[in-house]
Amino acid sequence: MKFKFESLIIWQKAMDLGEEILLLSKSFPDLEKFNLSSQILRAGDSIALNISEGSILQSAPEFKKFMGYSIRSLAEVITCLHKAKRRNYITDKEFDIHYSFCFNLMNMMIAFRNKIK
């Protein structure tokens, strides 16, 4: 037995992204502990959290609203990745890998939201 959202590929990928962001943020300097590290972790976790929360709602408009929150959280993660790259906390390769994953997930999430009826 499992919840409906656990079968969603976007939720599964969002869960994976949250764990990857956790590992990545561990390489940030201590001075970012309450700033960029905290922000990227909260935004990364918020993606899957909002997908699951929205999926249990009875109305399509409400689910779409929560998908919007998830998409905006993913945009936050992307911006944090840019900040981390500019501050030389992550390599170009790390940035490219995570950026590509986020780009693909963003497209999947937007397509999914557009199909909610």
N, C-alpha and C. Protein backbone atom coordinates (compact mmCIF):
# COMPACT_ATOMS: atom_id res chain seq x y z
N MET A 1 0.84 -1.18 0.00
CA MET A 1 0.00 0.00 0.00
C MET A 1 0.89 1.24 0.00
N LYS A 2 0.54 2.22 -0.83
CA LYS A 2 1.28 3.46 -0.79
C LYS A 2 0.39 4.63 -1.19
N PHE A 3 0.86 5.82 -0.89
CA PHE A 3 0.12 7.02 -1.24
C PHE A 3 0.25 7.28 -2.72
N LYS A 4 -0.77 7.94 -3.29
CA LYS A 4 -0.81 8.22 -4.72
C LYS A 4 0.43 9.00 -5.19
N PHE A 5 0.87 9.97 -4.41
CA PHE A 5 1.99 10.81 -4.84
C PHE A 5 3.30 10.03 -4.95
N GLU A 6 3.41 8.92 -4.22
CA GLU A 6 4.65 8.14 -4.27
C GLU A 6 4.89 7.51 -5.65
N SER A 7 3.84 7.40 -6.44
CA SER A 7 3.96 6.85 -7.79
C SER A 7 4.32 7.91 -8.83
N LEU A 8 4.25 9.18 -8.44
CA LEU A 8 4.54 10.26 -9.37
C LEU A 8 6.05 10.37 -9.62
N ILE A 9 6.43 10.32 -10.87
CA ILE A 9 7.86 10.44 -11.24
C ILE A 9 8.41 11.79 -10.77
N ILE A 10 7.61 12.84 -10.88
CA ILE A 10 8.10 14.16 -10.45
C ILE A 10 8.38 14.18 -8.95
N TRP A 11 7.57 13.48 -8.17
CA TRP A 11 7.80 13.43 -6.72
C TRP A 11 9.08 12.62 -6.44
N GLN A 12 9.25 11.50 -7.14
CA GLN A 12 10.44 10.67 -6.96
C GLN A 12 11.71 11.45 -7.31
N LYS A 13 11.66 12.18 -8.42
CA LYS A 13 12.82 12.97 -8.84
C LYS A 13 13.07 14.13 -7.88
N ALA A 14 11.99 14.72 -7.38
CA ALA A 14 12.14 15.81 -6.41
C ALA A 14 12.77 15.28 -5.11
N MET A 15 12.39 14.08 -4.71
CA MET A 15 13.01 13.47 -3.54
C MET A 15 14.51 13.26 -3.77
N ASP A 16 14.86 12.75 -4.95
CA ASP A 16 16.27 12.56 -5.29
C ASP A 16 17.02 13.88 -5.27
N LEU A 17 16.42 14.92 -5.85
CA LEU A 17 17.07 16.22 -5.89
C LEU A 17 17.32 16.75 -4.48
N GLY A 18 16.35 16.60 -3.60
CA GLY A 18 16.53 17.05 -2.21
C GLY A 18 17.74 16.41 -1.55
N GLU A 19 17.94 15.12 -1.80
CA GLU A 19 19.09 14.42 -1.21
C GLU A 19 20.40 14.88 -1.85
N GLU A 20 20.37 15.10 -3.15
CA GLU A 20 21.58 15.59 -3.84
C GLU A 20 21.96 16.99 -3.37
N ILE A 21 20.96 17.83 -3.16
CA ILE A 21 21.21 19.19 -2.67
C ILE A 21 21.79 19.15 -1.26
N LEU A 22 21.31 18.24 -0.44
CA LEU A 22 21.87 18.07 0.91
C LEU A 22 23.36 17.76 0.82
N LEU A 23 23.72 16.80 -0.01
CA LEU A 23 25.14 16.44 -0.16
C LEU A 23 25.95 17.61 -0.70
N LEU A 24 25.41 18.30 -1.69
CA LEU A 24 26.12 19.42 -2.30
C LEU A 24 26.34 20.55 -1.28
N SER A 25 25.32 20.85 -0.48
CA SER A 25 25.43 21.96 0.47
C SER A 25 26.45 21.71 1.56
N LYS A 26 26.78 20.45 1.78
CA LYS A 26 27.80 20.15 2.80
C LYS A 26 29.18 20.67 2.42
N SER A 27 29.37 20.96 1.13
CA SER A 27 30.65 21.49 0.69
C SER A 27 30.72 23.02 0.81
N PHE A 28 29.60 23.66 1.14
CA PHE A 28 29.60 25.11 1.29
C PHE A 28 30.35 25.48 2.57
N PRO A 29 30.96 26.66 2.59
CA PRO A 29 31.69 27.07 3.81
C PRO A 29 30.75 27.32 4.99
N ASP A 30 31.31 27.26 6.18
CA ASP A 30 30.53 27.45 7.40
C ASP A 30 29.80 28.79 7.43
N LEU A 31 30.37 29.81 6.82
CA LEU A 31 29.73 31.13 6.85
C LEU A 31 28.38 31.13 6.14
N GLU A 32 28.12 30.11 5.33
CA GLU A 32 26.84 30.00 4.62
C GLU A 32 25.82 29.13 5.35
N LYS A 33 26.18 28.62 6.51
CA LYS A 33 25.32 27.68 7.23
C LYS A 33 23.89 28.20 7.40
N PHE A 34 23.75 29.46 7.76
CA PHE A 34 22.42 30.03 8.00
C PHE A 34 21.95 30.89 6.84
N ASN A 35 22.68 30.86 5.74
CA ASN A 35 22.32 31.66 4.58
C ASN A 35 22.04 30.75 3.38
N LEU A 36 22.99 30.66 2.49
CA LEU A 36 22.77 29.92 1.24
C LEU A 36 22.51 28.43 1.49
N SER A 37 23.25 27.83 2.40
CA SER A 37 23.04 26.40 2.69
C SER A 37 21.61 26.16 3.17
N SER A 38 21.16 26.97 4.11
CA SER A 38 19.81 26.83 4.64
C SER A 38 18.76 27.06 3.56
N GLN A 39 18.98 28.07 2.74
CA GLN A 39 18.01 28.41 1.70
C GLN A 39 17.87 27.31 0.65
N ILE A 40 19.00 26.80 0.16
CA ILE A 40 18.94 25.77 -0.87
C ILE A 40 18.36 24.47 -0.32
N LEU A 41 18.64 24.16 0.94
CA LEU A 41 18.07 22.95 1.56
C LEU A 41 16.56 23.06 1.71
N ARG A 42 16.10 24.20 2.20
CA ARG A 42 14.66 24.39 2.39
C ARG A 42 13.92 24.38 1.05
N ALA A 43 14.50 25.06 0.05
CA ALA A 43 13.87 25.08 -1.27
C ALA A 43 13.87 23.70 -1.90
N GLY A 44 14.98 22.97 -1.76
CA GLY A 44 15.08 21.63 -2.33
C GLY A 44 14.08 20.67 -1.73
N ASP A 45 13.89 20.74 -0.42
CA ASP A 45 12.93 19.87 0.24
C ASP A 45 11.49 20.29 -0.06
N SER A 46 11.27 21.57 -0.24
CA SER A 46 9.94 22.10 -0.47
C SER A 46 9.32 21.59 -1.77
N ILE A 47 10.13 21.24 -2.74
CA ILE A 47 9.61 20.76 -4.02
C ILE A 47 8.77 19.50 -3.81
N ALA A 48 9.36 18.48 -3.23
CA ALA A 48 8.63 17.22 -2.99
C ALA A 48 7.52 17.41 -1.97
N LEU A 49 7.76 18.22 -0.95
CA LEU A 49 6.75 18.43 0.08
C LEU A 49 5.47 19.02 -0.51
N ASN A 50 5.60 19.99 -1.40
CA ASN A 50 4.42 20.62 -1.99
C ASN A 50 3.72 19.70 -2.99
N ILE A 51 4.48 18.89 -3.70
CA ILE A 51 3.85 17.92 -4.61
C ILE A 51 2.98 16.96 -3.80
N SER A 52 3.52 16.43 -2.72
CA SER A 52 2.76 15.47 -1.91
C SER A 52 1.56 16.14 -1.25
N GLU A 53 1.76 17.33 -0.72
CA GLU A 53 0.65 18.02 -0.06
C GLU A 53 -0.47 18.33 -1.04
N GLY A 54 -0.10 18.82 -2.22
CA GLY A 54 -1.11 19.15 -3.22
C GLY A 54 -1.85 17.95 -3.75
N SER A 55 -1.17 16.80 -3.83
CA SER A 55 -1.77 15.62 -4.43
C SER A 55 -2.92 15.03 -3.61
N ILE A 56 -2.95 15.34 -2.33
CA ILE A 56 -4.02 14.77 -1.49
C ILE A 56 -5.25 15.66 -1.43
N LEU A 57 -5.17 16.83 -2.06
CA LEU A 57 -6.32 17.73 -2.08
C LEU A 57 -7.36 17.24 -3.06
N GLN A 58 -8.60 17.57 -2.82
CA GLN A 58 -9.70 17.06 -3.65
C GLN A 58 -9.94 17.88 -4.91
N SER A 59 -9.45 19.11 -4.98
CA SER A 59 -9.75 19.94 -6.15
C SER A 59 -8.51 20.16 -7.01
N ALA A 60 -8.72 20.13 -8.32
CA ALA A 60 -7.64 20.35 -9.28
C ALA A 60 -7.02 21.75 -9.13
N PRO A 61 -7.83 22.80 -8.93
CA PRO A 61 -7.21 24.13 -8.78
C PRO A 61 -6.25 24.21 -7.59
N GLU A 62 -6.61 23.53 -6.50
CA GLU A 62 -5.73 23.54 -5.33
C GLU A 62 -4.44 22.77 -5.62
N PHE A 63 -4.54 21.63 -6.29
CA PHE A 63 -3.35 20.86 -6.65
C PHE A 63 -2.46 21.69 -7.57
N LYS A 64 -3.06 22.39 -8.53
CA LYS A 64 -2.28 23.25 -9.43
C LYS A 64 -1.55 24.34 -8.65
N LYS A 65 -2.22 24.87 -7.62
CA LYS A 65 -1.60 25.90 -6.79
C LYS A 65 -0.35 25.35 -6.09
N PHE A 66 -0.45 24.15 -5.55
CA PHE A 66 0.70 23.55 -4.87
C PHE A 66 1.80 23.16 -5.85
N MET A 67 1.41 22.78 -7.06
CA MET A 67 2.43 22.52 -8.09
C MET A 67 3.17 23.82 -8.42
N GLY A 68 2.44 24.92 -8.40
CA GLY A 68 3.08 26.23 -8.60
C GLY A 68 4.10 26.52 -7.51
N TYR A 69 3.76 26.19 -6.27
CA TYR A 69 4.71 26.37 -5.17
C TYR A 69 5.96 25.52 -5.41
N SER A 70 5.76 24.29 -5.86
CA SER A 70 6.88 23.39 -6.12
C SER A 70 7.78 23.94 -7.22
N ILE A 71 7.16 24.44 -8.27
CA ILE A 71 7.92 25.00 -9.40
C ILE A 71 8.72 26.21 -8.94
N ARG A 72 8.11 27.05 -8.11
CA ARG A 72 8.85 28.22 -7.60
C ARG A 72 9.99 27.81 -6.68
N SER A 73 9.79 26.76 -5.91
CA SER A 73 10.88 26.26 -5.07
C SER A 73 12.03 25.73 -5.91
N LEU A 74 11.70 25.09 -7.01
CA LEU A 74 12.74 24.60 -7.91
C LEU A 74 13.50 25.78 -8.53
N ALA A 75 12.80 26.85 -8.86
CA ALA A 75 13.47 28.05 -9.38
C ALA A 75 14.42 28.63 -8.33
N GLU A 76 14.03 28.55 -7.06
CA GLU A 76 14.92 28.99 -5.97
C GLU A 76 16.19 28.15 -5.93
N VAL A 77 16.03 26.84 -6.07
CA VAL A 77 17.20 25.95 -6.08
C VAL A 77 18.14 26.34 -7.20
N ILE A 78 17.59 26.60 -8.38
CA ILE A 78 18.42 26.98 -9.53
C ILE A 78 19.18 28.27 -9.25
N THR A 79 18.50 29.24 -8.65
CA THR A 79 19.17 30.50 -8.31
C THR A 79 20.26 30.27 -7.27
N CYS A 80 20.00 29.42 -6.30
CA CYS A 80 21.02 29.10 -5.30
C CYS A 80 22.22 28.40 -5.94
N LEU A 81 21.97 27.56 -6.92
CA LEU A 81 23.07 26.92 -7.64
C LEU A 81 23.94 27.97 -8.34
N HIS A 82 23.29 28.94 -8.94
CA HIS A 82 24.04 30.03 -9.58
C HIS A 82 24.88 30.79 -8.55
N LYS A 83 24.28 31.08 -7.39
CA LYS A 83 25.00 31.77 -6.32
C LYS A 83 26.21 30.95 -5.87
N ALA A 84 26.00 29.65 -5.68
CA ALA A 84 27.09 28.78 -5.24
C ALA A 84 28.22 28.73 -6.27
N LYS A 85 27.85 28.71 -7.52
CA LYS A 85 28.87 28.69 -8.59
C LYS A 85 29.64 30.01 -8.61
N ARG A 86 28.94 31.12 -8.52
CA ARG A 86 29.59 32.44 -8.52
C ARG A 86 30.53 32.63 -7.34
N ARG A 87 30.19 32.00 -6.23
CA ARG A 87 31.01 32.11 -5.02
C ARG A 87 32.08 31.02 -4.95
N ASN A 88 32.16 30.23 -5.99
CA ASN A 88 33.15 29.14 -6.10
C ASN A 88 33.00 28.08 -5.02
N TYR A 89 31.75 27.82 -4.62
CA TYR A 89 31.48 26.74 -3.67
C TYR A 89 31.32 25.41 -4.39
N ILE A 90 30.95 25.47 -5.66
CA ILE A 90 30.79 24.27 -6.47
C ILE A 90 31.53 24.46 -7.79
N THR A 91 31.91 23.35 -8.39
CA THR A 91 32.62 23.40 -9.66
C THR A 91 31.63 23.60 -10.81
N ASP A 92 32.18 23.96 -11.95
CA ASP A 92 31.34 24.09 -13.15
C ASP A 92 30.65 22.76 -13.47
N LYS A 93 31.38 21.67 -13.27
CA LYS A 93 30.80 20.35 -13.55
C LYS A 93 29.64 20.05 -12.61
N GLU A 94 29.81 20.32 -11.31
CA GLU A 94 28.73 20.10 -10.35
C GLU A 94 27.51 20.96 -10.71
N PHE A 95 27.79 22.21 -11.06
CA PHE A 95 26.71 23.11 -11.46
C PHE A 95 25.97 22.54 -12.66
N ASP A 96 26.71 22.15 -13.69
CA ASP A 96 26.09 21.65 -14.92
C ASP A 96 25.23 20.41 -14.67
N ILE A 97 25.72 19.49 -13.85
CA ILE A 97 24.96 18.27 -13.54
C ILE A 97 23.64 18.61 -12.85
N HIS A 98 23.71 19.44 -11.83
CA HIS A 98 22.50 19.79 -11.07
C HIS A 98 21.57 20.70 -11.87
N TYR A 99 22.15 21.60 -12.64
CA TYR A 99 21.34 22.49 -13.47
C TYR A 99 20.55 21.69 -14.50
N SER A 100 21.20 20.74 -15.14
CA SER A 100 20.54 19.89 -16.13
C SER A 100 19.40 19.09 -15.51
N PHE A 101 19.65 18.52 -14.32
CA PHE A 101 18.60 17.77 -13.62
C PHE A 101 17.42 18.68 -13.31
N CYS A 102 17.72 19.88 -12.81
CA CYS A 102 16.66 20.84 -12.48
C CYS A 102 15.88 21.28 -13.72
N PHE A 103 16.59 21.50 -14.81
CA PHE A 103 15.95 21.91 -16.05
C PHE A 103 14.95 20.85 -16.51
N ASN A 104 15.38 19.60 -16.50
CA ASN A 104 14.50 18.51 -16.91
C ASN A 104 13.32 18.35 -15.96
N LEU A 105 13.58 18.44 -14.66
CA LEU A 105 12.50 18.32 -13.68
C LEU A 105 11.51 19.47 -13.84
N MET A 106 12.00 20.67 -14.08
CA MET A 106 11.12 21.83 -14.26
C MET A 106 10.17 21.59 -15.44
N ASN A 107 10.71 21.11 -16.54
CA ASN A 107 9.87 20.84 -17.71
C ASN A 107 8.82 19.78 -17.41
N MET A 108 9.20 18.74 -16.68
CA MET A 108 8.26 17.69 -16.31
C MET A 108 7.16 18.22 -15.39
N MET A 109 7.55 19.06 -14.44
CA MET A 109 6.59 19.60 -13.50
C MET A 109 5.60 20.55 -14.17
N ILE A 110 6.08 21.37 -15.07
CA ILE A 110 5.19 22.29 -15.79
C ILE A 110 4.21 21.50 -16.66
N ALA A 111 4.72 20.48 -17.36
CA ALA A 111 3.84 19.65 -18.18
C ALA A 111 2.80 18.94 -17.33
N PHE A 112 3.23 18.43 -16.17
CA PHE A 112 2.31 17.75 -15.26
C PHE A 112 1.23 18.72 -14.77
N ARG A 113 1.64 19.91 -14.34
CA ARG A 113 0.68 20.89 -13.85
C ARG A 113 -0.34 21.25 -14.93
N ASN A 114 0.14 21.37 -16.17
CA ASN A 114 -0.75 21.72 -17.28
C ASN A 114 -1.78 20.64 -17.59
N LYS A 115 -1.50 19.41 -17.18
CA LYS A 115 -2.44 18.30 -17.44
C LYS A 115 -3.42 18.04 -16.30
N ILE A 116 -3.24 18.73 -15.18
CA ILE A 116 -4.16 18.55 -14.06
C ILE A 116 -5.52 19.14 -14.45
N LYS A 117 -6.55 18.32 -14.31
CA LYS A 117 -7.91 18.80 -14.65
C LYS A 117 -8.83 18.70 -13.48
